[in-house]
Amino acid sequence: MNITFKLYASLTQYLPPEVQRVNQMPLEVSPEASIADIVAPFNMPPKLLHLVLVNGVFIPPEERASRRLAEGDVLAIWPPIAGG
């Protein structure tokens, strides 16, 4: 099945170079794949996966190893961001 995979801020460096500027890419994944399975090949440190959203809905860390996606879903991830 196909999803849209988006990485923001410093995480864009983990995307293939040809899509880093637009910060997203189509991704073919197994229907059985969890969020954790989907992000594993990108080798991002787990502590950087701060805000994980599926179709704009926050997925807490304890659900990421079991949460599955559906055709057309958008998986978006932000690192921790400091500010004031």
PDB file of N, CA and C in Angstrom:
ATOM      1  N   MET A   1       0.849  -1.172   0.000  1.00  0.00           N
ATOM      2  CA  MET A   1       0.000   0.000   0.000  1.00  0.00           C
ATOM      3  C   MET A   1       0.891   1.230   0.000  1.00  0.00           C
ATOM      4  N   ASN A   2       0.315   2.359  -0.375  1.00  0.00           N
ATOM      5  CA  ASN A   2       1.081   3.598  -0.477  1.00  0.00           C
ATOM      6  C   ASN A   2       0.643   4.611   0.569  1.00  0.00           C
ATOM      7  N   ILE A   3       1.645   5.258   1.188  1.00  0.00           N
ATOM      8  CA  ILE A   3       1.415   6.331   2.142  1.00  0.00           C
ATOM      9  C   ILE A   3       2.286   7.519   1.733  1.00  0.00           C
ATOM     10  N   THR A   4       2.081   8.645   2.396  1.00  0.00           N
ATOM     11  CA  THR A   4       2.979   9.786   2.255  1.00  0.00           C
ATOM     12  C   THR A   4       3.773   9.889   3.545  1.00  0.00           C
ATOM     13  N   PHE A   5       5.090   9.976   3.412  1.00  0.00           N
ATOM     14  CA  PHE A   5       5.998  10.040   4.554  1.00  0.00           C
ATOM     15  C   PHE A   5       6.619  11.429   4.573  1.00  0.00           C
ATOM     16  N   LYS A   6       6.444  12.149   5.691  1.00  0.00           N
ATOM     17  CA  LYS A   6       6.951  13.519   5.818  1.00  0.00           C
ATOM     18  C   LYS A   6       7.856  13.625   7.047  1.00  0.00           C
ATOM     19  N   LEU A   7       8.981  14.273   6.856  1.00  0.00           N
ATOM     20  CA  LEU A   7       9.882  14.571   7.964  1.00  0.00           C
ATOM     21  C   LEU A   7      10.124  16.072   7.988  1.00  0.00           C
ATOM     22  N   TYR A   8      10.189  16.647   9.174  1.00  0.00           N
ATOM     23  CA  TYR A   8      10.322  18.093   9.322  1.00  0.00           C
ATOM     24  C   TYR A   8      11.595  18.476  10.063  1.00  0.00           C
ATOM     25  N   ALA A   9      11.985  19.745   9.861  1.00  0.00           N
ATOM     26  CA  ALA A   9      13.140  20.359  10.523  1.00  0.00           C
ATOM     27  C   ALA A   9      14.393  19.512  10.282  1.00  0.00           C
ATOM     28  N   SER A  10      15.143  19.233  11.330  1.00  0.00           N
ATOM     29  CA  SER A  10      16.421  18.519  11.168  1.00  0.00           C
ATOM     30  C   SER A  10      16.254  17.082  10.684  1.00  0.00           C
ATOM     31  N   LEU A  11      15.053  16.538  10.756  1.00  0.00           N
ATOM     32  CA  LEU A  11      14.850  15.147  10.314  1.00  0.00           C
ATOM     33  C   LEU A  11      14.886  14.996   8.793  1.00  0.00           C
ATOM     34  N   THR A  12      14.745  16.085   8.052  1.00  0.00           N
ATOM     35  CA  THR A  12      14.753  15.963   6.595  1.00  0.00           C
ATOM     36  C   THR A  12      16.056  15.368   6.081  1.00  0.00           C
ATOM     37  N   GLN A  13      17.130  15.472   6.841  1.00  0.00           N
ATOM     38  CA  GLN A  13      18.407  14.897   6.419  1.00  0.00           C
ATOM     39  C   GLN A  13      18.349  13.368   6.296  1.00  0.00           C
ATOM     40  N   TYR A  14      17.343  12.742   6.875  1.00  0.00           N
ATOM     41  CA  TYR A  14      17.196  11.287   6.792  1.00  0.00           C
ATOM     42  C   TYR A  14      16.427  10.840   5.545  1.00  0.00           C
ATOM     43  N   LEU A  15      15.875  11.792   4.820  1.00  0.00           N
ATOM     44  CA  LEU A  15      15.185  11.473   3.572  1.00  0.00           C
ATOM     45  C   LEU A  15      16.203  11.348   2.442  1.00  0.00           C
ATOM     46  N   PRO A  16      15.855  10.670   1.354  1.00  0.00           N
ATOM     47  CA  PRO A  16      16.748  10.640   0.197  1.00  0.00           C
ATOM     48  C   PRO A  16      17.006  12.076  -0.289  1.00  0.00           C
ATOM     49  N   PRO A  17      18.220  12.359  -0.755  1.00  0.00           N
ATOM     50  CA  PRO A  17      18.572  13.734  -1.152  1.00  0.00           C
ATOM     51  C   PRO A  17      17.601  14.375  -2.139  1.00  0.00           C
ATOM     52  N   GLU A  18      17.060  13.605  -3.046  1.00  0.00           N
ATOM     53  CA  GLU A  18      16.193  14.191  -4.075  1.00  0.00           C
ATOM     54  C   GLU A  18      14.842  14.681  -3.541  1.00  0.00           C
ATOM     55  N   VAL A  19      14.470  14.323  -2.322  1.00  0.00           N
ATOM     56  CA  VAL A  19      13.192  14.788  -1.761  1.00  0.00           C
ATOM     57  C   VAL A  19      13.366  15.633  -0.502  1.00  0.00           C
ATOM     58  N   GLN A  20      14.592  15.867  -0.078  1.00  0.00           N
ATOM     59  CA  GLN A  20      14.816  16.641   1.143  1.00  0.00           C
ATOM     60  C   GLN A  20      14.246  18.039   1.061  1.00  0.00           C
ATOM     61  N   ARG A  21      14.300  18.670  -0.103  1.00  0.00           N
ATOM     62  CA  ARG A  21      13.795  20.041  -0.247  1.00  0.00           C
ATOM     63  C   ARG A  21      12.295  20.134  -0.036  1.00  0.00           C
ATOM     64  N   VAL A  22      11.572  19.097  -0.414  1.00  0.00           N
ATOM     65  CA  VAL A  22      10.114  19.127  -0.258  1.00  0.00           C
ATOM     66  C   VAL A  22       9.656  18.399   1.005  1.00  0.00           C
ATOM     67  N   ASN A  23      10.566  17.798   1.711  1.00  0.00           N
ATOM     68  CA  ASN A  23      10.410  17.120   3.002  1.00  0.00           C
ATOM     69  C   ASN A  23       9.373  15.985   3.022  1.00  0.00           C
ATOM     70  N   GLN A  24       9.032  15.458   1.876  1.00  0.00           N
ATOM     71  CA  GLN A  24       8.082  14.341   1.861  1.00  0.00           C
ATOM     72  C   GLN A  24       8.340  13.444   0.672  1.00  0.00           C
ATOM     73  N   MET A  25       7.806  12.223   0.785  1.00  0.00           N
ATOM     74  CA  MET A  25       7.952  11.270  -0.303  1.00  0.00           C
ATOM     75  C   MET A  25       6.840  10.242  -0.243  1.00  0.00           C
ATOM     76  N   PRO A  26       6.459   9.723  -1.396  1.00  0.00           N
ATOM     77  CA  PRO A  26       5.539   8.589  -1.374  1.00  0.00           C
ATOM     78  C   PRO A  26       6.328   7.377  -0.904  1.00  0.00           C
ATOM     79  N   LEU A  27       5.675   6.499  -0.203  1.00  0.00           N
ATOM     80  CA  LEU A  27       6.353   5.331   0.326  1.00  0.00           C
ATOM     81  C   LEU A  27       5.427   4.133   0.237  1.00  0.00           C
ATOM     82  N   GLU A  28       5.939   3.056  -0.317  1.00  0.00           N
ATOM     83  CA  GLU A  28       5.179   1.811  -0.366  1.00  0.00           C
ATOM     84  C   GLU A  28       5.545   0.992   0.866  1.00  0.00           C
ATOM     85  N   VAL A  29       4.532   0.598   1.621  1.00  0.00           N
ATOM     86  CA  VAL A  29       4.749  -0.156   2.856  1.00  0.00           C
ATOM     87  C   VAL A  29       3.809  -1.357   2.903  1.00  0.00           C
ATOM     88  N   SER A  30       4.190  -2.320   3.681  1.00  0.00           N
ATOM     89  CA  SER A  30       3.346  -3.492   3.894  1.00  0.00           C
ATOM     90  C   SER A  30       2.142  -3.098   4.752  1.00  0.00           C
ATOM     91  N   PRO A  31       0.966  -3.636   4.469  1.00  0.00           N
ATOM     92  CA  PRO A  31      -0.200  -3.336   5.316  1.00  0.00           C
ATOM     93  C   PRO A  31      -0.002  -3.772   6.773  1.00  0.00           C
ATOM     94  N   GLU A  32       0.905  -4.711   6.997  1.00  0.00           N
ATOM     95  CA  GLU A  32       1.176  -5.185   8.359  1.00  0.00           C
ATOM     96  C   GLU A  32       2.204  -4.332   9.098  1.00  0.00           C
ATOM     97  N   ALA A  33       2.854  -3.401   8.395  1.00  0.00           N
ATOM     98  CA  ALA A  33       3.923  -2.607   8.997  1.00  0.00           C
ATOM     99  C   ALA A  33       3.377  -1.614  10.020  1.00  0.00           C
ATOM    100  N   SER A  34       4.053  -1.552  11.157  1.00  0.00           N
ATOM    101  CA  SER A  34       3.712  -0.553  12.175  1.00  0.00           C
ATOM    102  C   SER A  34       4.482   0.728  11.877  1.00  0.00           C
ATOM    103  N   ILE A  35       4.172   1.778  12.595  1.00  0.00           N
ATOM    104  CA  ILE A  35       4.925   3.021  12.450  1.00  0.00           C
ATOM    105  C   ILE A  35       6.398   2.761  12.728  1.00  0.00           C
ATOM    106  N   ALA A  36       6.692   2.005  13.771  1.00  0.00           N
ATOM    107  CA  ALA A  36       8.084   1.691  14.100  1.00  0.00           C
ATOM    108  C   ALA A  36       8.766   0.952  12.947  1.00  0.00           C
ATOM    109  N   ASP A  37       8.060   0.033  12.306  1.00  0.00           N
ATOM    110  CA  ASP A  37       8.618  -0.693  11.164  1.00  0.00           C
ATOM    111  C   ASP A  37       8.901   0.246   9.997  1.00  0.00           C
ATOM    112  N   ILE A  38       8.020   1.197   9.775  1.00  0.00           N
ATOM    113  CA  ILE A  38       8.149   2.124   8.650  1.00  0.00           C
ATOM    114  C   ILE A  38       9.351   3.048   8.833  1.00  0.00           C
ATOM    115  N   VAL A  39       9.565   3.549  10.030  1.00  0.00           N
ATOM    116  CA  VAL A  39      10.661   4.499  10.242  1.00  0.00           C
ATOM    117  C   VAL A  39      12.016   3.812  10.443  1.00  0.00           C
ATOM    118  N   ALA A  40      12.041   2.545  10.799  1.00  0.00           N
ATOM    119  CA  ALA A  40      13.299   1.843  11.086  1.00  0.00           C
ATOM    120  C   ALA A  40      14.335   1.953   9.969  1.00  0.00           C
ATOM    121  N   PRO A  41      13.985   1.745   8.696  1.00  0.00           N
ATOM    122  CA  PRO A  41      15.006   1.816   7.644  1.00  0.00           C
ATOM    123  C   PRO A  41      15.652   3.197   7.468  1.00  0.00           C
ATOM    124  N   PHE A  42      15.050   4.236   8.039  1.00  0.00           N
ATOM    125  CA  PHE A  42      15.598   5.585   7.901  1.00  0.00           C
ATOM    126  C   PHE A  42      16.657   5.884   8.960  1.00  0.00           C
ATOM    127  N   ASN A  43      16.851   4.957   9.905  1.00  0.00           N
ATOM    128  CA  ASN A  43      17.925   5.041  10.914  1.00  0.00           C
ATOM    129  C   ASN A  43      17.932   6.341  11.700  1.00  0.00           C
ATOM    130  N   MET A  44      16.761   6.800  12.088  1.00  0.00           N
ATOM    131  CA  MET A  44      16.668   8.007  12.903  1.00  0.00           C
ATOM    132  C   MET A  44      16.760   7.627  14.376  1.00  0.00           C
ATOM    133  N   PRO A  45      17.529   8.380  15.172  1.00  0.00           N
ATOM    134  CA  PRO A  45      17.570   8.106  16.602  1.00  0.00           C
ATOM    135  C   PRO A  45      16.175   8.237  17.206  1.00  0.00           C
ATOM    136  N   PRO A  46      15.739   7.257  17.979  1.00  0.00           N
ATOM    137  CA  PRO A  46      14.387   7.293  18.559  1.00  0.00           C
ATOM    138  C   PRO A  46      14.085   8.568  19.338  1.00  0.00           C
ATOM    139  N   LYS A  47      15.093   9.143  19.996  1.00  0.00           N
ATOM    140  CA  LYS A  47      14.842  10.366  20.778  1.00  0.00           C
ATOM    141  C   LYS A  47      14.469  11.557  19.895  1.00  0.00           C
ATOM    142  N   LEU A  48      14.727  11.452  18.592  1.00  0.00           N
ATOM    143  CA  LEU A  48      14.361  12.537  17.679  1.00  0.00           C
ATOM    144  C   LEU A  48      12.939  12.415  17.144  1.00  0.00           C
ATOM    145  N   LEU A  49      12.294  11.282  17.390  1.00  0.00           N
ATOM    146  CA  LEU A  49      10.924  11.073  16.906  1.00  0.00           C
ATOM    147  C   LEU A  49       9.951  11.583  17.969  1.00  0.00           C
ATOM    148  N   HIS A  50       9.889  12.886  18.070  1.00  0.00           N
ATOM    149  CA  HIS A  50       9.145  13.507  19.162  1.00  0.00           C
ATOM    150  C   HIS A  50       7.647  13.599  18.893  1.00  0.00           C
ATOM    151  N   LEU A  51       7.280  14.198  17.788  1.00  0.00           N
ATOM    152  CA  LEU A  51       5.874  14.401  17.464  1.00  0.00           C
ATOM    153  C   LEU A  51       5.550  13.566  16.223  1.00  0.00           C
ATOM    154  N   VAL A  52       4.785  12.512  16.415  1.00  0.00           N
ATOM    155  CA  VAL A  52       4.422  11.604  15.324  1.00  0.00           C
ATOM    156  C   VAL A  52       2.918  11.714  15.101  1.00  0.00           C
ATOM    157  N   LEU A  53       2.553  12.057  13.861  1.00  0.00           N
ATOM    158  CA  LEU A  53       1.151  12.237  13.514  1.00  0.00           C
ATOM    159  C   LEU A  53       0.777  11.337  12.344  1.00  0.00           C
ATOM    160  N   VAL A  54      -0.418  10.777  12.399  1.00  0.00           N
ATOM    161  CA  VAL A  54      -1.000  10.069  11.260  1.00  0.00           C
ATOM    162  C   VAL A  54      -2.258  10.831  10.893  1.00  0.00           C
ATOM    163  N   ASN A  55      -2.256  11.390   9.701  1.00  0.00           N
ATOM    164  CA  ASN A  55      -3.386  12.211   9.235  1.00  0.00           C
ATOM    165  C   ASN A  55      -3.719  13.318  10.229  1.00  0.00           C
ATOM    166  N   GLY A  56      -2.676  13.893  10.838  1.00  0.00           N
ATOM    167  CA  GLY A  56      -2.859  15.001  11.765  1.00  0.00           C
ATOM    168  C   GLY A  56      -3.210  14.613  13.184  1.00  0.00           C
ATOM    169  N   VAL A  57      -3.254  13.325  13.486  1.00  0.00           N
ATOM    170  CA  VAL A  57      -3.604  12.850  14.827  1.00  0.00           C
ATOM    171  C   VAL A  57      -2.347  12.322  15.519  1.00  0.00           C
ATOM    172  N   PHE A  58      -2.063  12.844  16.717  1.00  0.00           N
ATOM    173  CA  PHE A  58      -0.882  12.443  17.484  1.00  0.00           C
ATOM    174  C   PHE A  58      -0.936  10.970  17.853  1.00  0.00           C
ATOM    175  N   ILE A  59       0.194  10.300  17.660  1.00  0.00           N
ATOM    176  CA  ILE A  59       0.339   8.888  18.053  1.00  0.00           C
ATOM    177  C   ILE A  59       1.351   8.838  19.189  1.00  0.00           C
ATOM    178  N   PRO A  60       0.933   8.475  20.399  1.00  0.00           N
ATOM    179  CA  PRO A  60       1.860   8.443  21.526  1.00  0.00           C
ATOM    180  C   PRO A  60       2.923   7.357  21.340  1.00  0.00           C
ATOM    181  N   PRO A  61       4.092   7.554  21.967  1.00  0.00           N
ATOM    182  CA  PRO A  61       5.196   6.605  21.805  1.00  0.00           C
ATOM    183  C   PRO A  61       4.822   5.146  22.082  1.00  0.00           C
ATOM    184  N   GLU A  62       3.978   4.908  23.050  1.00  0.00           N
ATOM    185  CA  GLU A  62       3.634   3.531  23.400  1.00  0.00           C
ATOM    186  C   GLU A  62       2.772   2.834  22.340  1.00  0.00           C
ATOM    187  N   GLU A  63       2.220   3.574  21.402  1.00  0.00           N
ATOM    188  CA  GLU A  63       1.396   2.980  20.342  1.00  0.00           C
ATOM    189  C   GLU A  63       2.133   2.803  19.014  1.00  0.00           C
ATOM    190  N   ARG A  64       3.328   3.350  18.893  1.00  0.00           N
ATOM    191  CA  ARG A  64       4.028   3.374  17.608  1.00  0.00           C
ATOM    192  C   ARG A  64       4.510   2.005  17.145  1.00  0.00           C
ATOM    193  N   ALA A  65       4.735   1.088  18.059  1.00  0.00           N
ATOM    194  CA  ALA A  65       5.183  -0.261  17.679  1.00  0.00           C
ATOM    195  C   ALA A  65       4.027  -1.139  17.206  1.00  0.00           C
ATOM    196  N   SER A  66       2.797  -0.726  17.490  1.00  0.00           N
ATOM    197  CA  SER A  66       1.652  -1.550  17.107  1.00  0.00           C
ATOM    198  C   SER A  66       0.699  -0.849  16.130  1.00  0.00           C
ATOM    199  N   ARG A  67       0.779   0.473  16.029  1.00  0.00           N
ATOM    200  CA  ARG A  67      -0.143   1.226  15.164  1.00  0.00           C
ATOM    201  C   ARG A  67       0.160   0.975  13.697  1.00  0.00           C
ATOM    202  N   ARG A  68      -0.846   0.555  12.948  1.00  0.00           N
ATOM    203  CA  ARG A  68      -0.716   0.302  11.520  1.00  0.00           C
ATOM    204  C   ARG A  68      -1.378   1.438  10.739  1.00  0.00           C
ATOM    205  N   LEU A  69      -0.975   1.603   9.506  1.00  0.00           N
ATOM    206  CA  LEU A  69      -1.533   2.650   8.662  1.00  0.00           C
ATOM    207  C   LEU A  69      -2.450   2.044   7.612  1.00  0.00           C
ATOM    208  N   ALA A  70      -3.170   2.905   6.913  1.00  0.00           N
ATOM    209  CA  ALA A  70      -4.056   2.479   5.832  1.00  0.00           C
ATOM    210  C   ALA A  70      -3.618   3.162   4.547  1.00  0.00           C
ATOM    211  N   GLU A  71      -4.060   2.630   3.427  1.00  0.00           N
ATOM    212  CA  GLU A  71      -3.766   3.204   2.114  1.00  0.00           C
ATOM    213  C   GLU A  71      -4.074   4.699   2.107  1.00  0.00           C
ATOM    214  N   GLY A  72      -3.094   5.498   1.638  1.00  0.00           N
ATOM    215  CA  GLY A  72      -3.298   6.938   1.522  1.00  0.00           C
ATOM    216  C   GLY A  72      -3.016   7.742   2.770  1.00  0.00           C
ATOM    217  N   ASP A  73      -2.709   7.099   3.885  1.00  0.00           N
ATOM    218  CA  ASP A  73      -2.412   7.833   5.120  1.00  0.00           C
ATOM    219  C   ASP A  73      -1.173   8.701   4.951  1.00  0.00           C
ATOM    220  N   VAL A  74      -1.089   9.728   5.798  1.00  0.00           N
ATOM    221  CA  VAL A  74       0.079  10.599   5.839  1.00  0.00           C
ATOM    222  C   VAL A  74       0.731  10.439   7.206  1.00  0.00           C
ATOM    223  N   LEU A  75       1.992  10.000   7.203  1.00  0.00           N
ATOM    224  CA  LEU A  75       2.781   9.854   8.425  1.00  0.00           C
ATOM    225  C   LEU A  75       3.758  11.023   8.472  1.00  0.00           C
ATOM    226  N   ALA A  76       3.620  11.891   9.463  1.00  0.00           N
ATOM    227  CA  ALA A  76       4.459  13.078   9.604  1.00  0.00           C
ATOM    228  C   ALA A  76       5.165  13.049  10.957  1.00  0.00           C
ATOM    229  N   ILE A  77       6.464  13.396  10.938  1.00  0.00           N
ATOM    230  CA  ILE A  77       7.262  13.323  12.156  1.00  0.00           C
ATOM    231  C   ILE A  77       8.084  14.594  12.322  1.00  0.00           C
ATOM    232  N   TRP A  78       8.068  15.147  13.552  1.00  0.00           N
ATOM    233  CA  TRP A  78       8.862  16.316  13.924  1.00  0.00           C
ATOM    234  C   TRP A  78       9.827  15.930  15.045  1.00  0.00           C
ATOM    235  N   PRO A  79      11.013  16.524  15.053  1.00  0.00           N
ATOM    236  CA  PRO A  79      11.938  16.337  16.177  1.00  0.00           C
ATOM    237  C   PRO A  79      11.530  17.268  17.315  1.00  0.00           C
ATOM    238  N   PRO A  80      12.153  17.102  18.480  1.00  0.00           N
ATOM    239  CA  PRO A  80      11.918  18.089  19.551  1.00  0.00           C
ATOM    240  C   PRO A  80      12.413  19.457  19.063  1.00  0.00           C
ATOM    241  N   ILE A  81      11.659  20.481  19.383  1.00  0.00           N
ATOM    242  CA  ILE A  81      12.039  21.830  18.948  1.00  0.00           C
ATOM    243  C   ILE A  81      12.031  22.739  20.160  1.00  0.00           C
ATOM    244  N   ALA A  82      13.130  23.468  20.352  1.00  0.00           N
ATOM    245  CA  ALA A  82      13.230  24.405  21.461  1.00  0.00           C
ATOM    246  C   ALA A  82      12.795  25.785  20.988  1.00  0.00           C
ATOM    247  N   GLY A  83      12.304  26.531  21.886  1.00  0.00           N
ATOM    248  CA  GLY A  83      11.891  27.886  21.526  1.00  0.00           C
ATOM    249  C   GLY A  83      11.369  28.612  22.742  1.00  0.00           C
ATOM    250  N   GLY A  84      10.920  29.793  22.523  1.00  0.00           N
ATOM    251  CA  GLY A  84      10.449  30.524  23.670  1.00  0.00           C
ATOM    252  C   GLY A  84       9.492  31.602  23.347  1.00  0.00           C
TER     253      GLY A  84
END
